[in-house]
Amino acid sequence: MGRRRGSGYHCVMTMSSASKPVGFLIREWRKRRRLSQLDLALDAEISTRHLSYVETGRAVPSRQMILHLAEQLEVPLRERNTLLLAAGYAPAFRERPLDDSELAAARHAVELVLAAHSPCPALAIDRHWTLIASNCAVAPLLAGVAPALLSPPVNVLRLSLHPDGLSSRIVNLAQWRSHLMTRLRRQVDLTNDPQLADLLSELRDYPAPDGAELEISSKKLVFGRIAIPLQLMTDAGTLAFISTTTVFGTPVDITLSELALETFFPADALTEAALRRAAAGKAG
């Protein structure tokens, strides 16, 4: 791994990315987004000739042009720094730890969302699906999970699909596994993150259900035809949830740009009642 520090900036690159010229990297991102040179040139409002010169190294792009092309290509902030470094420029985006004083407002916002979402489960994860924080409704759902999977750092996808995790209690495992795998594959495609690619490979090696329960379980829920529910066997019965993902809208810090809030809502009356009873029991 290559590592560069200075002026509060932190950027990590693989040696393969660090050794490639910026034009080559821009072309890789364009192809990853399945855009032609004409498509990107039109989006960026530049000539195809200039873009071609940039990609082949015949023209050296300015710092502003690199950031402009990265914006059109929706390159993650972490990889935008990689593009700048490849061209010999200083990185533009800082990466602070979440407990940094400058992220206090964002951290407080996360805490507010998690607390306000009770009695429904909610959690915060980073770009690699590592658990950052959760509310009090999450822990009761993890009963029976192998302690090793709950030892920090906790990976939420591994926790969900590992044979010693939640998978044995997920009623619609084939459906839920397919949903998570599709989402992770899309992340790998969008970010080109090798750690996510390794995680995807690991999850593919876990035992997979035959999918026989897929049609049966989904038809039992109103949400079965409009959203993929998570159906989880618990002591209170089979609870069903639909989930939403929230991200910060205009981040300029790498850590903040890679933070996501996963919030779960009851998908039926039984689940809603069970969550309220559990919350009332804790309050009593």
C-alpha atoms as a PDB file:
ATOM      1  CA  MET A   1       0.000   0.000   0.000  1.00  0.00           C
ATOM      2  CA  GLY A   2       1.064   3.577  -0.599  1.00  0.00           C
ATOM      3  CA  ARG A   3       0.295   6.225   1.999  1.00  0.00           C
ATOM      4  CA  ARG A   4       0.658   9.976   1.903  1.00  0.00           C
ATOM      5  CA  ARG A   5       0.062  12.331   4.803  1.00  0.00           C
ATOM      6  CA  GLY A   6       0.344  16.037   5.207  1.00  0.00           C
ATOM      7  CA  SER A   7      -1.638  19.202   5.975  1.00  0.00           C
ATOM      8  CA  GLY A   8      -4.415  17.184   7.552  1.00  0.00           C
ATOM      9  CA  TYR A   9      -4.999  15.103   4.454  1.00  0.00           C
ATOM     10  CA  HIS A  10      -4.900  11.330   4.385  1.00  0.00           C
ATOM     11  CA  CYS A  11      -5.033   9.318   1.221  1.00  0.00           C
ATOM     12  CA  VAL A  12      -4.492   5.597   0.749  1.00  0.00           C
ATOM     13  CA  MET A  13      -3.887   4.134  -2.704  1.00  0.00           C
ATOM     14  CA  THR A  14      -2.981   0.765  -4.063  1.00  0.00           C
ATOM     15  CA  MET A  15       0.378   0.645  -5.810  1.00  0.00           C
ATOM     16  CA  SER A  16      -1.340  -0.150  -9.085  1.00  0.00           C
ATOM     17  CA  SER A  17      -3.465   3.011  -8.913  1.00  0.00           C
ATOM     18  CA  ALA A  18      -0.589   5.168  -7.729  1.00  0.00           C
ATOM     19  CA  SER A  19       1.611   4.124 -10.656  1.00  0.00           C
ATOM     20  CA  LYS A  20      -0.966   4.846 -13.368  1.00  0.00           C
ATOM     21  CA  PRO A  21      -1.131   8.259 -15.064  1.00  0.00           C
ATOM     22  CA  VAL A  22      -4.192  10.380 -14.409  1.00  0.00           C
ATOM     23  CA  GLY A  23      -5.434  10.080 -18.002  1.00  0.00           C
ATOM     24  CA  PHE A  24      -5.441   6.290 -17.764  1.00  0.00           C
ATOM     25  CA  LEU A  25      -7.385   6.460 -14.484  1.00  0.00           C
ATOM     26  CA  ILE A  26      -9.948   8.860 -15.951  1.00  0.00           C
ATOM     27  CA  ARG A  27     -10.449   6.494 -18.886  1.00  0.00           C
ATOM     28  CA  GLU A  28     -10.918   3.600 -16.446  1.00  0.00           C
ATOM     29  CA  TRP A  29     -13.588   5.503 -14.559  1.00  0.00           C
ATOM     30  CA  ARG A  30     -15.315   6.495 -17.818  1.00  0.00           C
ATOM     31  CA  LYS A  31     -15.442   2.872 -18.943  1.00  0.00           C
ATOM     32  CA  ARG A  32     -16.615   1.805 -15.486  1.00  0.00           C
ATOM     33  CA  ARG A  33     -19.516   4.227 -15.884  1.00  0.00           C
ATOM     34  CA  ARG A  34     -20.154   2.811 -19.377  1.00  0.00           C
ATOM     35  CA  LEU A  35     -19.763   6.190 -21.047  1.00  0.00           C
ATOM     36  CA  SER A  36     -18.232   6.925 -24.427  1.00  0.00           C
ATOM     37  CA  GLN A  37     -15.784   9.781 -24.851  1.00  0.00           C
ATOM     38  CA  LEU A  38     -18.574  11.707 -26.552  1.00  0.00           C
ATOM     39  CA  ASP A  39     -20.940  11.110 -23.614  1.00  0.00           C
ATOM     40  CA  LEU A  40     -18.429  12.367 -21.055  1.00  0.00           C
ATOM     41  CA  ALA A  41     -17.318  15.281 -23.210  1.00  0.00           C
ATOM     42  CA  LEU A  42     -20.921  16.439 -23.580  1.00  0.00           C
ATOM     43  CA  ASP A  43     -21.569  16.091 -19.834  1.00  0.00           C
ATOM     44  CA  ALA A  44     -18.377  17.967 -19.010  1.00  0.00           C
ATOM     45  CA  GLU A  45     -18.942  20.556 -21.783  1.00  0.00           C
ATOM     46  CA  ILE A  46     -15.510  20.024 -23.308  1.00  0.00           C
ATOM     47  CA  SER A  47     -14.423  18.797 -26.734  1.00  0.00           C
ATOM     48  CA  THR A  48     -13.935  15.098 -27.389  1.00  0.00           C
ATOM     49  CA  ARG A  49     -10.478  15.979 -28.739  1.00  0.00           C
ATOM     50  CA  HIS A  50      -9.447  17.559 -25.443  1.00  0.00           C
ATOM     51  CA  LEU A  51     -10.809  14.593 -23.483  1.00  0.00           C
ATOM     52  CA  SER A  52      -8.947  12.207 -25.771  1.00  0.00           C
ATOM     53  CA  TYR A  53      -5.726  14.169 -25.242  1.00  0.00           C
ATOM     54  CA  VAL A  54      -6.225  14.016 -21.463  1.00  0.00           C
ATOM     55  CA  GLU A  55      -6.849  10.262 -21.489  1.00  0.00           C
ATOM     56  CA  THR A  56      -3.841   9.503 -23.681  1.00  0.00           C
ATOM     57  CA  GLY A  57      -1.517  11.834 -21.780  1.00  0.00           C
ATOM     58  CA  ARG A  58      -1.048  14.266 -24.686  1.00  0.00           C
ATOM     59  CA  ALA A  59      -2.574  17.031 -22.528  1.00  0.00           C
ATOM     60  CA  VAL A  60      -1.994  17.584 -18.801  1.00  0.00           C
ATOM     61  CA  PRO A  61      -5.335  18.402 -17.153  1.00  0.00           C
ATOM     62  CA  SER A  62      -5.539  21.202 -14.625  1.00  0.00           C
ATOM     63  CA  ARG A  63      -6.539  20.521 -11.045  1.00  0.00           C
ATOM     64  CA  GLN A  64      -9.925  22.108 -11.789  1.00  0.00           C
ATOM     65  CA  MET A  65     -10.442  19.928 -14.871  1.00  0.00           C
ATOM     66  CA  ILE A  66      -9.664  16.747 -12.943  1.00  0.00           C
ATOM     67  CA  LEU A  67     -12.212  17.636 -10.276  1.00  0.00           C
ATOM     68  CA  HIS A  68     -14.727  18.622 -12.953  1.00  0.00           C
ATOM     69  CA  LEU A  69     -14.387  15.304 -14.788  1.00  0.00           C
ATOM     70  CA  ALA A  70     -14.515  13.407 -11.496  1.00  0.00           C
ATOM     71  CA  GLU A  71     -17.766  15.162 -10.635  1.00  0.00           C
ATOM     72  CA  GLN A  72     -19.317  14.157 -13.969  1.00  0.00           C
ATOM     73  CA  LEU A  73     -18.153  10.569 -13.442  1.00  0.00           C
ATOM     74  CA  GLU A  74     -19.426  10.499  -9.835  1.00  0.00           C
ATOM     75  CA  VAL A  75     -16.027   9.363  -8.622  1.00  0.00           C
ATOM     76  CA  PRO A  76     -16.023   8.926  -4.812  1.00  0.00           C
ATOM     77  CA  LEU A  77     -14.120  11.593  -2.876  1.00  0.00           C
ATOM     78  CA  ARG A  78     -11.408   9.152  -1.810  1.00  0.00           C
ATOM     79  CA  GLU A  79     -10.677   8.258  -5.448  1.00  0.00           C
ATOM     80  CA  ARG A  80     -10.785  11.926  -6.498  1.00  0.00           C
ATOM     81  CA  ASN A  81      -7.768  12.435  -4.265  1.00  0.00           C
ATOM     82  CA  THR A  82      -6.114   9.517  -6.065  1.00  0.00           C
ATOM     83  CA  LEU A  83      -6.695  11.219  -9.432  1.00  0.00           C
ATOM     84  CA  LEU A  84      -5.202  14.471  -8.154  1.00  0.00           C
ATOM     85  CA  LEU A  85      -2.146  12.712  -6.734  1.00  0.00           C
ATOM     86  CA  ALA A  86      -1.619  10.842  -9.993  1.00  0.00           C
ATOM     87  CA  ALA A  87      -1.430  14.204 -11.768  1.00  0.00           C
ATOM     88  CA  GLY A  88       0.985  15.637  -9.195  1.00  0.00           C
ATOM     89  CA  TYR A  89      -1.533  17.783  -7.318  1.00  0.00           C
ATOM     90  CA  ALA A  90      -2.257  17.859  -3.594  1.00  0.00           C
ATOM     91  CA  PRO A  91      -5.416  16.014  -2.498  1.00  0.00           C
ATOM     92  CA  ALA A  92      -8.543  18.137  -2.149  1.00  0.00           C
ATOM     93  CA  PHE A  93     -10.575  16.193   0.407  1.00  0.00           C
ATOM     94  CA  ARG A  94      -9.712  15.578   4.034  1.00  0.00           C
ATOM     95  CA  GLU A  95     -10.359  12.374   5.931  1.00  0.00           C
ATOM     96  CA  ARG A  96     -10.981  12.924   9.627  1.00  0.00           C
ATOM     97  CA  PRO A  97     -11.855  10.303  12.244  1.00  0.00           C
ATOM     98  CA  LEU A  98     -15.525  10.425  13.203  1.00  0.00           C
ATOM     99  CA  ASP A  99     -14.618  11.627  16.703  1.00  0.00           C
ATOM    100  CA  ASP A 100     -12.799  14.671  15.283  1.00  0.00           C
ATOM    101  CA  SER A 101     -14.129  17.945  16.698  1.00  0.00           C
ATOM    102  CA  GLU A 102     -14.870  19.253  13.188  1.00  0.00           C
ATOM    103  CA  LEU A 103     -17.307  16.377  12.657  1.00  0.00           C
ATOM    104  CA  ALA A 104     -19.151  17.012  15.922  1.00  0.00           C
ATOM    105  CA  ALA A 105     -22.272  18.355  14.188  1.00  0.00           C
ATOM    106  CA  ALA A 106     -22.434  15.378  11.826  1.00  0.00           C
ATOM    107  CA  ARG A 107     -21.835  12.956  14.692  1.00  0.00           C
ATOM    108  CA  HIS A 108     -24.638  14.600  16.670  1.00  0.00           C
ATOM    109  CA  ALA A 109     -26.943  14.308  13.645  1.00  0.00           C
ATOM    110  CA  VAL A 110     -26.228  10.571  13.447  1.00  0.00           C
ATOM    111  CA  GLU A 111     -26.939  10.154  17.157  1.00  0.00           C
ATOM    112  CA  LEU A 112     -30.212  12.067  16.817  1.00  0.00           C
ATOM    113  CA  VAL A 113     -31.409   9.912  13.915  1.00  0.00           C
ATOM    114  CA  LEU A 114     -30.525   6.661  15.660  1.00  0.00           C
ATOM    115  CA  ALA A 115     -32.187   7.671  18.929  1.00  0.00           C
ATOM    116  CA  ALA A 116     -35.289   9.133  17.269  1.00  0.00           C
ATOM    117  CA  HIS A 117     -35.833   5.957  15.253  1.00  0.00           C
ATOM    118  CA  SER A 118     -36.455   3.837  18.349  1.00  0.00           C
ATOM    119  CA  PRO A 119     -38.288   1.539  18.938  1.00  0.00           C
ATOM    120  CA  CYS A 120     -37.330   0.543  15.383  1.00  0.00           C
ATOM    121  CA  PRO A 121     -33.782  -0.671  14.635  1.00  0.00           C
ATOM    122  CA  ALA A 122     -31.267   1.727  13.109  1.00  0.00           C
ATOM    123  CA  LEU A 123     -27.517   1.651  12.624  1.00  0.00           C
ATOM    124  CA  ALA A 124     -24.659   3.615  11.066  1.00  0.00           C
ATOM    125  CA  ILE A 125     -22.060   1.964   8.830  1.00  0.00           C
ATOM    126  CA  ASP A 126     -18.946   3.020   6.942  1.00  0.00           C
ATOM    127  CA  ARG A 127     -18.018   2.297   3.312  1.00  0.00           C
ATOM    128  CA  HIS A 128     -17.011  -1.282   4.122  1.00  0.00           C
ATOM    129  CA  TRP A 129     -20.239  -2.033   6.030  1.00  0.00           C
ATOM    130  CA  THR A 130     -18.436  -1.787   9.360  1.00  0.00           C
ATOM    131  CA  LEU A 131     -20.808  -1.003  12.218  1.00  0.00           C
ATOM    132  CA  ILE A 132     -20.162   2.479  13.617  1.00  0.00           C
ATOM    133  CA  ALA A 133     -23.151   2.894  15.939  1.00  0.00           C
ATOM    134  CA  SER A 134     -26.627   1.505  16.539  1.00  0.00           C
ATOM    135  CA  ASN A 135     -29.665   2.198  18.678  1.00  0.00           C
ATOM    136  CA  CYS A 136     -31.004   0.033  21.487  1.00  0.00           C
ATOM    137  CA  ALA A 137     -33.471  -1.794  19.206  1.00  0.00           C
ATOM    138  CA  VAL A 138     -30.690  -3.595  17.326  1.00  0.00           C
ATOM    139  CA  ALA A 139     -29.123  -5.696  20.101  1.00  0.00           C
ATOM    140  CA  PRO A 140     -32.226  -7.843  20.884  1.00  0.00           C
ATOM    141  CA  LEU A 141     -32.364  -8.934  17.232  1.00  0.00           C
ATOM    142  CA  LEU A 142     -28.835 -10.350  17.457  1.00  0.00           C
ATOM    143  CA  ALA A 143     -29.635 -13.039  20.029  1.00  0.00           C
ATOM    144  CA  GLY A 144     -27.856 -16.289  19.225  1.00  0.00           C
ATOM    145  CA  VAL A 145     -25.229 -14.752  16.933  1.00  0.00           C
ATOM    146  CA  ALA A 146     -21.727 -16.189  17.418  1.00  0.00           C
ATOM    147  CA  PRO A 147     -19.673 -13.896  19.702  1.00  0.00           C
ATOM    148  CA  ALA A 148     -16.842 -13.761  17.152  1.00  0.00           C
ATOM    149  CA  LEU A 149     -19.135 -11.993  14.684  1.00  0.00           C
ATOM    150  CA  LEU A 150     -19.987  -9.380  17.329  1.00  0.00           C
ATOM    151  CA  SER A 151     -16.373  -8.633  18.182  1.00  0.00           C
ATOM    152  CA  PRO A 152     -15.329  -5.219  16.794  1.00  0.00           C
ATOM    153  CA  PRO A 153     -14.946  -4.359  14.029  1.00  0.00           C
ATOM    154  CA  VAL A 154     -18.384  -5.796  13.235  1.00  0.00           C
ATOM    155  CA  ASN A 155     -19.191  -6.167   9.549  1.00  0.00           C
ATOM    156  CA  VAL A 156     -22.948  -5.893   9.040  1.00  0.00           C
ATOM    157  CA  LEU A 157     -23.061  -7.987   5.851  1.00  0.00           C
ATOM    158  CA  ARG A 158     -20.960 -10.749   7.397  1.00  0.00           C
ATOM    159  CA  LEU A 159     -23.195 -10.619  10.479  1.00  0.00           C
ATOM    160  CA  SER A 160     -26.290 -10.978   8.300  1.00  0.00           C
ATOM    161  CA  LEU A 161     -25.220 -13.769   5.942  1.00  0.00           C
ATOM    162  CA  HIS A 162     -22.658 -15.834   7.844  1.00  0.00           C
ATOM    163  CA  PRO A 163     -23.943 -19.308   8.875  1.00  0.00           C
ATOM    164  CA  ASP A 164     -23.176 -18.413  12.508  1.00  0.00           C
ATOM    165  CA  GLY A 165     -24.848 -15.024  12.164  1.00  0.00           C
ATOM    166  CA  LEU A 166     -28.445 -14.097  11.415  1.00  0.00           C
ATOM    167  CA  SER A 167     -28.847 -16.234   8.298  1.00  0.00           C
ATOM    168  CA  SER A 168     -30.362 -19.212  10.122  1.00  0.00           C
ATOM    169  CA  ARG A 169     -33.147 -16.957  11.416  1.00  0.00           C
ATOM    170  CA  ILE A 170     -33.876 -15.052   8.203  1.00  0.00           C
ATOM    171  CA  VAL A 171     -37.071 -16.595   6.830  1.00  0.00           C
ATOM    172  CA  ASN A 172     -36.639 -15.208   3.319  1.00  0.00           C
ATOM    173  CA  LEU A 173     -32.883 -15.725   3.212  1.00  0.00           C
ATOM    174  CA  ALA A 174     -32.681 -16.315  -0.539  1.00  0.00           C
ATOM    175  CA  GLN A 175     -34.496 -13.065  -1.211  1.00  0.00           C
ATOM    176  CA  TRP A 176     -32.592 -11.023   1.374  1.00  0.00           C
ATOM    177  CA  ARG A 177     -29.218 -12.476   0.388  1.00  0.00           C
ATOM    178  CA  SER A 178     -29.873 -11.644  -3.263  1.00  0.00           C
ATOM    179  CA  HIS A 179     -30.771  -8.079  -2.300  1.00  0.00           C
ATOM    180  CA  LEU A 180     -27.607  -7.582  -0.237  1.00  0.00           C
ATOM    181  CA  MET A 181     -25.343  -9.195  -2.826  1.00  0.00           C
ATOM    182  CA  THR A 182     -26.785  -7.051  -5.609  1.00  0.00           C
ATOM    183  CA  ARG A 183     -26.264  -3.943  -3.530  1.00  0.00           C
ATOM    184  CA  LEU A 184     -22.689  -4.900  -2.711  1.00  0.00           C
ATOM    185  CA  ARG A 185     -21.900  -5.716  -6.354  1.00  0.00           C
ATOM    186  CA  ARG A 186     -23.136  -2.274  -7.320  1.00  0.00           C
ATOM    187  CA  GLN A 187     -20.908  -0.697  -4.675  1.00  0.00           C
ATOM    188  CA  VAL A 188     -17.896  -2.576  -6.001  1.00  0.00           C
ATOM    189  CA  ASP A 189     -18.717  -1.389  -9.510  1.00  0.00           C
ATOM    190  CA  LEU A 190     -19.195   2.225  -8.409  1.00  0.00           C
ATOM    191  CA  THR A 191     -16.165   2.524  -6.129  1.00  0.00           C
ATOM    192  CA  ASN A 192     -13.621   0.010  -7.450  1.00  0.00           C
ATOM    193  CA  ASP A 193     -12.816  -0.682  -3.782  1.00  0.00           C
ATOM    194  CA  PRO A 194     -10.672  -3.842  -3.412  1.00  0.00           C
ATOM    195  CA  GLN A 195     -11.801  -4.436   0.179  1.00  0.00           C
ATOM    196  CA  LEU A 196     -15.431  -4.478  -0.925  1.00  0.00           C
ATOM    197  CA  ALA A 197     -14.492  -6.853  -3.749  1.00  0.00           C
ATOM    198  CA  ASP A 198     -12.876  -9.174  -1.193  1.00  0.00           C
ATOM    199  CA  LEU A 199     -15.994  -8.988   0.978  1.00  0.00           C
ATOM    200  CA  LEU A 200     -18.184  -9.863  -2.002  1.00  0.00           C
ATOM    201  CA  SER A 201     -15.995 -12.885  -2.733  1.00  0.00           C
ATOM    202  CA  GLU A 202     -16.228 -13.998   0.898  1.00  0.00           C
ATOM    203  CA  LEU A 203     -20.020 -13.699   1.002  1.00  0.00           C
ATOM    204  CA  ARG A 204     -20.360 -15.684  -2.223  1.00  0.00           C
ATOM    205  CA  ASP A 205     -18.606 -18.585  -0.481  1.00  0.00           C
ATOM    206  CA  TYR A 206     -21.224 -18.761   2.286  1.00  0.00           C
ATOM    207  CA  PRO A 207     -23.849 -21.523   1.937  1.00  0.00           C
ATOM    208  CA  ALA A 208     -26.708 -20.226  -0.205  1.00  0.00           C
ATOM    209  CA  PRO A 209     -30.365 -21.306   0.101  1.00  0.00           C
ATOM    210  CA  ASP A 210     -32.109 -22.802  -2.915  1.00  0.00           C
ATOM    211  CA  GLY A 211     -34.658 -19.985  -2.994  1.00  0.00           C
ATOM    212  CA  ALA A 212     -37.655 -22.290  -2.557  1.00  0.00           C
ATOM    213  CA  GLU A 213     -39.124 -20.057   0.137  1.00  0.00           C
ATOM    214  CA  LEU A 214     -38.882 -16.895  -1.939  1.00  0.00           C
ATOM    215  CA  GLU A 215     -42.375 -16.781  -3.457  1.00  0.00           C
ATOM    216  CA  ILE A 216     -44.118 -18.069  -0.344  1.00  0.00           C
ATOM    217  CA  SER A 217     -42.665 -15.543   2.084  1.00  0.00           C
ATOM    218  CA  SER A 218     -42.978 -12.473  -0.106  1.00  0.00           C
ATOM    219  CA  LYS A 219     -46.675 -12.985  -0.829  1.00  0.00           C
ATOM    220  CA  LYS A 220     -47.515 -12.882   2.875  1.00  0.00           C
ATOM    221  CA  LEU A 221     -46.582  -9.201   3.135  1.00  0.00           C
ATOM    222  CA  VAL A 222     -48.125  -6.071   1.680  1.00  0.00           C
ATOM    223  CA  PHE A 223     -44.580  -4.814   1.056  1.00  0.00           C
ATOM    224  CA  GLY A 224     -43.584  -8.036  -0.671  1.00  0.00           C
ATOM    225  CA  ARG A 225     -44.453  -6.620  -4.091  1.00  0.00           C
ATOM    226  CA  ILE A 226     -43.042  -3.108  -3.684  1.00  0.00           C
ATOM    227  CA  ALA A 227     -39.976  -3.534  -1.444  1.00  0.00           C
ATOM    228  CA  ILE A 228     -37.834  -6.411  -0.244  1.00  0.00           C
ATOM    229  CA  PRO A 229     -38.574  -7.116   3.419  1.00  0.00           C
ATOM    230  CA  LEU A 230     -36.276  -8.647   6.002  1.00  0.00           C
ATOM    231  CA  GLN A 231     -38.212 -11.417   7.771  1.00  0.00           C
ATOM    232  CA  LEU A 232     -36.496 -12.459  10.988  1.00  0.00           C
ATOM    233  CA  MET A 233     -37.499 -15.188  13.418  1.00  0.00           C
ATOM    234  CA  THR A 234     -37.384 -13.957  17.037  1.00  0.00           C
ATOM    235  CA  ASP A 235     -38.828 -14.929  20.405  1.00  0.00           C
ATOM    236  CA  ALA A 236     -41.652 -12.501  19.650  1.00  0.00           C
ATOM    237  CA  GLY A 237     -42.491 -14.265  16.385  1.00  0.00           C
ATOM    238  CA  THR A 238     -41.419 -13.559  12.811  1.00  0.00           C
ATOM    239  CA  LEU A 239     -40.738  -9.843  12.520  1.00  0.00           C
ATOM    240  CA  ALA A 240     -40.749  -8.153   9.127  1.00  0.00           C
ATOM    241  CA  PHE A 241     -38.915  -4.944   8.234  1.00  0.00           C
ATOM    242  CA  ILE A 242     -38.408  -2.701   5.246  1.00  0.00           C
ATOM    243  CA  SER A 243     -35.261  -0.612   5.206  1.00  0.00           C
ATOM    244  CA  THR A 244     -34.087   2.776   4.002  1.00  0.00           C
ATOM    245  CA  THR A 245     -30.584   4.152   3.537  1.00  0.00           C
ATOM    246  CA  THR A 246     -29.656   7.757   4.347  1.00  0.00           C
ATOM    247  CA  VAL A 247     -26.421   9.505   3.392  1.00  0.00           C
ATOM    248  CA  PHE A 248     -25.204  13.062   3.898  1.00  0.00           C
ATOM    249  CA  GLY A 249     -26.179  15.179   0.927  1.00  0.00           C
ATOM    250  CA  THR A 250     -23.184  17.488   0.357  1.00  0.00           C
ATOM    251  CA  PRO A 251     -20.128  16.058   2.116  1.00  0.00           C
ATOM    252  CA  VAL A 252     -16.624  17.372   1.420  1.00  0.00           C
ATOM    253  CA  ASP A 253     -14.981  15.117   4.012  1.00  0.00           C
ATOM    254  CA  ILE A 254     -14.143  11.546   2.995  1.00  0.00           C
ATOM    255  CA  THR A 255     -15.332   9.976   6.256  1.00  0.00           C
ATOM    256  CA  LEU A 256     -18.650  11.781   6.072  1.00  0.00           C
ATOM    257  CA  SER A 257     -19.134  10.916   2.394  1.00  0.00           C
ATOM    258  CA  GLU A 258     -18.738   7.218   3.197  1.00  0.00           C
ATOM    259  CA  LEU A 259     -21.107   7.152   6.178  1.00  0.00           C
ATOM    260  CA  ALA A 260     -24.587   5.659   5.754  1.00  0.00           C
ATOM    261  CA  LEU A 261     -27.547   5.241   8.095  1.00  0.00           C
ATOM    262  CA  GLU A 262     -29.593   2.061   7.732  1.00  0.00           C
ATOM    263  CA  THR A 263     -33.050   2.434   9.264  1.00  0.00           C
ATOM    264  CA  PHE A 264     -35.630  -0.326   9.520  1.00  0.00           C
ATOM    265  CA  PHE A 265     -39.419   0.100   9.672  1.00  0.00           C
ATOM    266  CA  PRO A 266     -42.088  -2.458  10.598  1.00  0.00           C
ATOM    267  CA  ALA A 267     -43.605  -4.052   7.503  1.00  0.00           C
ATOM    268  CA  ASP A 268     -46.677  -5.392   9.306  1.00  0.00           C
ATOM    269  CA  ALA A 269     -48.808  -4.822  12.409  1.00  0.00           C
ATOM    270  CA  LEU A 270     -47.297  -7.761  14.310  1.00  0.00           C
ATOM    271  CA  THR A 271     -43.804  -6.303  13.995  1.00  0.00           C
ATOM    272  CA  GLU A 272     -44.920  -2.823  15.013  1.00  0.00           C
ATOM    273  CA  ALA A 273     -46.688  -4.190  18.099  1.00  0.00           C
ATOM    274  CA  ALA A 274     -43.693  -6.344  19.072  1.00  0.00           C
ATOM    275  CA  LEU A 275     -41.291  -3.401  18.855  1.00  0.00           C
ATOM    276  CA  ARG A 276     -43.575  -1.227  20.973  1.00  0.00           C
ATOM    277  CA  ARG A 277     -43.934  -3.945  23.606  1.00  0.00           C
ATOM    278  CA  ALA A 278     -40.170  -4.378  23.752  1.00  0.00           C
ATOM    279  CA  ALA A 279     -39.660  -0.634  24.147  1.00  0.00           C
ATOM    280  CA  ALA A 280     -42.339  -0.440  26.849  1.00  0.00           C
ATOM    281  CA  GLY A 281     -40.692  -3.322  28.709  1.00  0.00           C
ATOM    282  CA  LYS A 282     -37.361  -1.525  28.748  1.00  0.00           C
ATOM    283  CA  ALA A 283     -38.992   1.698  29.904  1.00  0.00           C
ATOM    284  CA  GLY A 284     -40.714  -0.156  32.742  1.00  0.00           C
END
